Amino acid sequence: MNTISFEVPKGIEITEDLIKRCQLAVLPELAESHALSICKKHFGVEFKLGEYNSKGFDLISLDSSIVVEVKQTSKPHNKAHVNLQIQSTWPKYGICTHMLILDYYNFPNRCSIIPHDEFFKSTFHGATRMWRWDIDYGNRMWGNTTLFKKYEVQI
């Protein structure tokens, strides 16, 4: 595992909670960089990052034929510890060609690259349409868990 270090402004107390919050804040950026190599290997073409913090997409192939939205999770969605979830996916409907999901909670980490149409035909939860799957890749949230496993790629 690699380590990231940076200078913290004077006067800020470094606590375990602050470290955890910093890790959670940086994981989406790390996931996009990780996804570059995963997509290159999976699709066999070069990719570049989308615009930083855009409302569009995260990765695009150099020929613009493959547009990937990257989502990651690193903790269970509630205290029951039975499901993982990603959110803010529905605004990507009609924009991306694939949804790449990184499970940074389980070890070894897992990844799935689900085609747009299949992803958006699957099950979403709540008013914000969160996408959930079984934390243990068993039978809970069966449809989404099965879809994740169907398109799982080795990382």
C-alpha atoms as a PDB file:
ATOM      1  CA  MET A   1       0.000   0.000   0.000  1.00  0.00           C
ATOM      2  CA  ASN A   2       1.239   3.480  -0.839  1.00  0.00           C
ATOM      3  CA  THR A   3       1.196   6.472   1.492  1.00  0.00           C
ATOM      4  CA  ILE A   4       0.191  10.052   0.748  1.00  0.00           C
ATOM      5  CA  SER A   5       1.619  12.817   2.900  1.00  0.00           C
ATOM      6  CA  PHE A   6       1.045  16.552   2.919  1.00  0.00           C
ATOM      7  CA  GLU A   7       1.591  19.544   5.164  1.00  0.00           C
ATOM      8  CA  VAL A   8      -1.239  20.381   7.551  1.00  0.00           C
ATOM      9  CA  PRO A   9      -1.655  24.049   8.510  1.00  0.00           C
ATOM     10  CA  LYS A  10      -0.467  24.961  11.985  1.00  0.00           C
ATOM     11  CA  GLY A  11      -3.099  24.905  14.685  1.00  0.00           C
ATOM     12  CA  ILE A  12      -5.034  21.922  13.352  1.00  0.00           C
ATOM     13  CA  GLU A  13      -5.160  18.982  15.730  1.00  0.00           C
ATOM     14  CA  ILE A  14      -4.587  15.682  13.942  1.00  0.00           C
ATOM     15  CA  THR A  15      -7.102  13.208  15.328  1.00  0.00           C
ATOM     16  CA  GLU A  16      -8.129   9.735  14.193  1.00  0.00           C
ATOM     17  CA  ASP A  17     -11.482  11.199  13.132  1.00  0.00           C
ATOM     18  CA  LEU A  18      -9.745  13.853  10.999  1.00  0.00           C
ATOM     19  CA  ILE A  19      -7.531  11.234   9.371  1.00  0.00           C
ATOM     20  CA  LYS A  20     -10.584   9.096   8.542  1.00  0.00           C
ATOM     21  CA  ARG A  21     -12.447  12.104   7.104  1.00  0.00           C
ATOM     22  CA  CYS A  22      -9.442  13.010   4.960  1.00  0.00           C
ATOM     23  CA  GLN A  23      -9.237   9.450   3.666  1.00  0.00           C
ATOM     24  CA  LEU A  24     -12.935   9.499   2.738  1.00  0.00           C
ATOM     25  CA  ALA A  25     -12.500  12.852   0.988  1.00  0.00           C
ATOM     26  CA  VAL A  26      -9.552  11.733  -1.147  1.00  0.00           C
ATOM     27  CA  LEU A  27     -10.881   8.287  -2.169  1.00  0.00           C
ATOM     28  CA  PRO A  28     -13.035   9.564  -5.061  1.00  0.00           C
ATOM     29  CA  GLU A  29      -9.975  11.212  -6.629  1.00  0.00           C
ATOM     30  CA  LEU A  30      -7.863   8.105  -6.091  1.00  0.00           C
ATOM     31  CA  ALA A  31     -10.626   5.959  -7.582  1.00  0.00           C
ATOM     32  CA  GLU A  32     -10.579   7.956 -10.812  1.00  0.00           C
ATOM     33  CA  SER A  33      -6.814   7.489 -11.150  1.00  0.00           C
ATOM     34  CA  HIS A  34      -7.178   3.791 -10.348  1.00  0.00           C
ATOM     35  CA  ALA A  35      -9.954   3.509 -12.932  1.00  0.00           C
ATOM     36  CA  LEU A  36      -7.667   4.835 -15.682  1.00  0.00           C
ATOM     37  CA  SER A  37      -5.477   1.747 -15.518  1.00  0.00           C
ATOM     38  CA  ILE A  38      -8.439  -0.596 -15.000  1.00  0.00           C
ATOM     39  CA  CYS A  39     -10.238   0.748 -18.086  1.00  0.00           C
ATOM     40  CA  LYS A  40      -7.110   0.672 -20.239  1.00  0.00           C
ATOM     41  CA  LYS A  41      -6.609  -2.986 -19.364  1.00  0.00           C
ATOM     42  CA  HIS A  42     -10.312  -3.904 -19.699  1.00  0.00           C
ATOM     43  CA  PHE A  43     -11.121  -2.074 -22.942  1.00  0.00           C
ATOM     44  CA  GLY A  44      -7.640  -2.175 -24.497  1.00  0.00           C
ATOM     45  CA  VAL A  45      -7.594   1.546 -25.304  1.00  0.00           C
ATOM     46  CA  GLU A  46      -6.200   4.699 -23.711  1.00  0.00           C
ATOM     47  CA  PHE A  47      -8.350   6.912 -21.487  1.00  0.00           C
ATOM     48  CA  LYS A  48      -8.088  10.400 -20.092  1.00  0.00           C
ATOM     49  CA  LEU A  49      -9.712  12.031 -17.083  1.00  0.00           C
ATOM     50  CA  GLY A  50     -12.761  14.216 -17.600  1.00  0.00           C
ATOM     51  CA  GLU A  51     -12.819  17.777 -16.346  1.00  0.00           C
ATOM     52  CA  TYR A  52     -12.106  18.114 -12.619  1.00  0.00           C
ATOM     53  CA  ASN A  53     -15.265  18.242 -10.499  1.00  0.00           C
ATOM     54  CA  SER A  54     -17.533  18.360 -13.544  1.00  0.00           C
ATOM     55  CA  LYS A  55     -21.138  17.253 -13.770  1.00  0.00           C
ATOM     56  CA  GLY A  56     -20.299  15.188 -16.842  1.00  0.00           C
ATOM     57  CA  PHE A  57     -18.215  12.044 -16.514  1.00  0.00           C
ATOM     58  CA  ASP A  58     -14.949  10.852 -15.001  1.00  0.00           C
ATOM     59  CA  LEU A  59     -13.116   9.049 -17.834  1.00  0.00           C
ATOM     60  CA  ILE A  60     -13.325   9.056 -21.599  1.00  0.00           C
ATOM     61  CA  SER A  61     -11.469   6.997 -24.170  1.00  0.00           C
ATOM     62  CA  LEU A  62      -9.204   9.021 -26.443  1.00  0.00           C
ATOM     63  CA  ASP A  63     -11.505   8.291 -29.390  1.00  0.00           C
ATOM     64  CA  SER A  64     -14.526   9.394 -27.252  1.00  0.00           C
ATOM     65  CA  SER A  65     -16.373   6.108 -27.836  1.00  0.00           C
ATOM     66  CA  ILE A  66     -16.305   4.972 -24.181  1.00  0.00           C
ATOM     67  CA  VAL A  67     -17.460   7.292 -21.389  1.00  0.00           C
ATOM     68  CA  VAL A  68     -17.103   5.985 -17.839  1.00  0.00           C
ATOM     69  CA  GLU A  69     -18.545   7.282 -14.594  1.00  0.00           C
ATOM     70  CA  VAL A  70     -16.475   6.121 -11.596  1.00  0.00           C
ATOM     71  CA  LYS A  71     -18.032   5.434  -8.199  1.00  0.00           C
ATOM     72  CA  GLN A  72     -16.421   3.977  -5.112  1.00  0.00           C
ATOM     73  CA  THR A  73     -17.460   2.944  -1.652  1.00  0.00           C
ATOM     74  CA  SER A  74     -15.351   2.316   1.413  1.00  0.00           C
ATOM     75  CA  LYS A  75     -17.919   1.732   4.149  1.00  0.00           C
ATOM     76  CA  PRO A  76     -21.275   0.011   4.691  1.00  0.00           C
ATOM     77  CA  HIS A  77     -24.310   2.178   4.019  1.00  0.00           C
ATOM     78  CA  ASN A  78     -25.603   1.775   7.593  1.00  0.00           C
ATOM     79  CA  LYS A  79     -24.804   0.230  10.965  1.00  0.00           C
ATOM     80  CA  ALA A  80     -26.303  -3.139   9.962  1.00  0.00           C
ATOM     81  CA  HIS A  81     -23.227  -3.765   7.756  1.00  0.00           C
ATOM     82  CA  VAL A  82     -25.155  -5.793   5.185  1.00  0.00           C
ATOM     83  CA  ASN A  83     -24.943  -3.644   2.051  1.00  0.00           C
ATOM     84  CA  LEU A  84     -22.607  -1.331   0.212  1.00  0.00           C
ATOM     85  CA  GLN A  85     -23.949   1.574  -1.805  1.00  0.00           C
ATOM     86  CA  ILE A  86     -23.067   4.265  -4.291  1.00  0.00           C
ATOM     87  CA  GLN A  87     -25.030   7.420  -4.910  1.00  0.00           C
ATOM     88  CA  SER A  88     -25.276  10.340  -7.304  1.00  0.00           C
ATOM     89  CA  THR A  89     -25.552   7.948 -10.224  1.00  0.00           C
ATOM     90  CA  TRP A  90     -28.923   8.917 -11.682  1.00  0.00           C
ATOM     91  CA  PRO A  91     -27.716  12.295 -13.032  1.00  0.00           C
ATOM     92  CA  LYS A  92     -25.339  10.246 -15.234  1.00  0.00           C
ATOM     93  CA  TYR A  93     -28.241   8.632 -17.093  1.00  0.00           C
ATOM     94  CA  GLY A  94     -27.690   9.152 -20.818  1.00  0.00           C
ATOM     95  CA  ILE A  95     -24.201  10.640 -20.308  1.00  0.00           C
ATOM     96  CA  CYS A  96     -21.928   7.644 -19.744  1.00  0.00           C
ATOM     97  CA  THR A  97     -21.559   4.336 -21.558  1.00  0.00           C
ATOM     98  CA  HIS A  98     -20.422   2.452 -18.422  1.00  0.00           C
ATOM     99  CA  MET A  99     -20.568   2.707 -14.634  1.00  0.00           C
ATOM    100  CA  LEU A 100     -17.328   1.591 -12.970  1.00  0.00           C
ATOM    101  CA  ILE A 101     -17.814   0.683  -9.308  1.00  0.00           C
ATOM    102  CA  LEU A 102     -14.890   0.175  -6.944  1.00  0.00           C
ATOM    103  CA  ASP A 103     -15.407  -1.649  -3.656  1.00  0.00           C
ATOM    104  CA  TYR A 104     -12.696  -0.261  -1.386  1.00  0.00           C
ATOM    105  CA  TYR A 105     -14.393  -1.731   1.702  1.00  0.00           C
ATOM    106  CA  ASN A 106     -13.646  -5.406   1.091  1.00  0.00           C
ATOM    107  CA  PHE A 107     -10.161  -6.827   0.737  1.00  0.00           C
ATOM    108  CA  PRO A 108      -9.155  -7.712  -1.787  1.00  0.00           C
ATOM    109  CA  ASN A 109     -10.877  -4.744  -3.418  1.00  0.00           C
ATOM    110  CA  ARG A 110     -13.368  -5.499  -6.163  1.00  0.00           C
ATOM    111  CA  CYS A 111     -14.427  -3.700  -9.337  1.00  0.00           C
ATOM    112  CA  SER A 112     -17.299  -3.932 -11.786  1.00  0.00           C
ATOM    113  CA  ILE A 113     -17.745  -2.135 -15.116  1.00  0.00           C
ATOM    114  CA  ILE A 114     -21.460  -2.253 -15.895  1.00  0.00           C
ATOM    115  CA  PRO A 115     -22.844  -1.108 -19.269  1.00  0.00           C
ATOM    116  CA  HIS A 116     -25.120   1.946 -19.051  1.00  0.00           C
ATOM    117  CA  ASP A 117     -28.390   0.316 -20.073  1.00  0.00           C
ATOM    118  CA  GLU A 118     -28.091  -2.635 -17.705  1.00  0.00           C
ATOM    119  CA  PHE A 119     -27.026  -0.423 -14.819  1.00  0.00           C
ATOM    120  CA  PHE A 120     -29.951   1.972 -15.189  1.00  0.00           C
ATOM    121  CA  LYS A 121     -32.453  -0.900 -15.536  1.00  0.00           C
ATOM    122  CA  SER A 122     -31.363  -2.289 -12.142  1.00  0.00           C
ATOM    123  CA  THR A 123     -32.773  -1.497  -8.695  1.00  0.00           C
ATOM    124  CA  PHE A 124     -32.364   1.904  -7.041  1.00  0.00           C
ATOM    125  CA  HIS A 125     -33.402   2.883  -3.509  1.00  0.00           C
ATOM    126  CA  GLY A 126     -34.901   5.961  -1.921  1.00  0.00           C
ATOM    127  CA  ALA A 127     -35.679   9.402  -3.275  1.00  0.00           C
ATOM    128  CA  THR A 128     -32.034   9.922  -4.274  1.00  0.00           C
ATOM    129  CA  ARG A 129     -31.901   6.540  -6.060  1.00  0.00           C
ATOM    130  CA  MET A 130     -28.975   4.945  -4.263  1.00  0.00           C
ATOM    131  CA  TRP A 131     -27.573   1.734  -5.755  1.00  0.00           C
ATOM    132  CA  ARG A 132     -26.938  -1.049  -3.230  1.00  0.00           C
ATOM    133  CA  TRP A 133     -25.454  -4.536  -3.296  1.00  0.00           C
ATOM    134  CA  ASP A 134     -24.574  -7.237  -0.781  1.00  0.00           C
ATOM    135  CA  ILE A 135     -21.487  -6.411   1.272  1.00  0.00           C
ATOM    136  CA  ASP A 136     -20.517 -10.113   1.209  1.00  0.00           C
ATOM    137  CA  TYR A 137     -21.560 -10.705  -2.433  1.00  0.00           C
ATOM    138  CA  GLY A 138     -24.153 -13.222  -1.290  1.00  0.00           C
ATOM    139  CA  ASN A 139     -27.943 -13.187  -1.715  1.00  0.00           C
ATOM    140  CA  ARG A 140     -28.939  -9.817  -0.262  1.00  0.00           C
ATOM    141  CA  MET A 141     -29.823  -7.209  -2.902  1.00  0.00           C
ATOM    142  CA  TRP A 142     -29.699 -10.182  -5.231  1.00  0.00           C
ATOM    143  CA  GLY A 143     -30.336  -8.389  -8.552  1.00  0.00           C
ATOM    144  CA  ASN A 144     -27.715  -5.687  -8.083  1.00  0.00           C
ATOM    145  CA  THR A 145     -25.229  -8.084  -6.499  1.00  0.00           C
ATOM    146  CA  THR A 146     -25.648 -10.456  -9.457  1.00  0.00           C
ATOM    147  CA  LEU A 147     -25.171  -7.554 -11.880  1.00  0.00           C
ATOM    148  CA  PHE A 148     -21.989  -6.439 -10.073  1.00  0.00           C
ATOM    149  CA  LYS A 149     -20.576  -9.969 -10.254  1.00  0.00           C
ATOM    150  CA  LYS A 150     -21.610 -10.421 -13.916  1.00  0.00           C
ATOM    151  CA  TYR A 151     -19.425  -7.476 -14.959  1.00  0.00           C
ATOM    152  CA  GLU A 152     -16.712  -7.832 -12.345  1.00  0.00           C
ATOM    153  CA  VAL A 153     -13.154  -7.290 -13.566  1.00  0.00           C
ATOM    154  CA  GLN A 154      -9.903  -8.224 -11.873  1.00  0.00           C
ATOM    155  CA  ILE A 155      -7.880  -5.369 -10.401  1.00  0.00           C
END
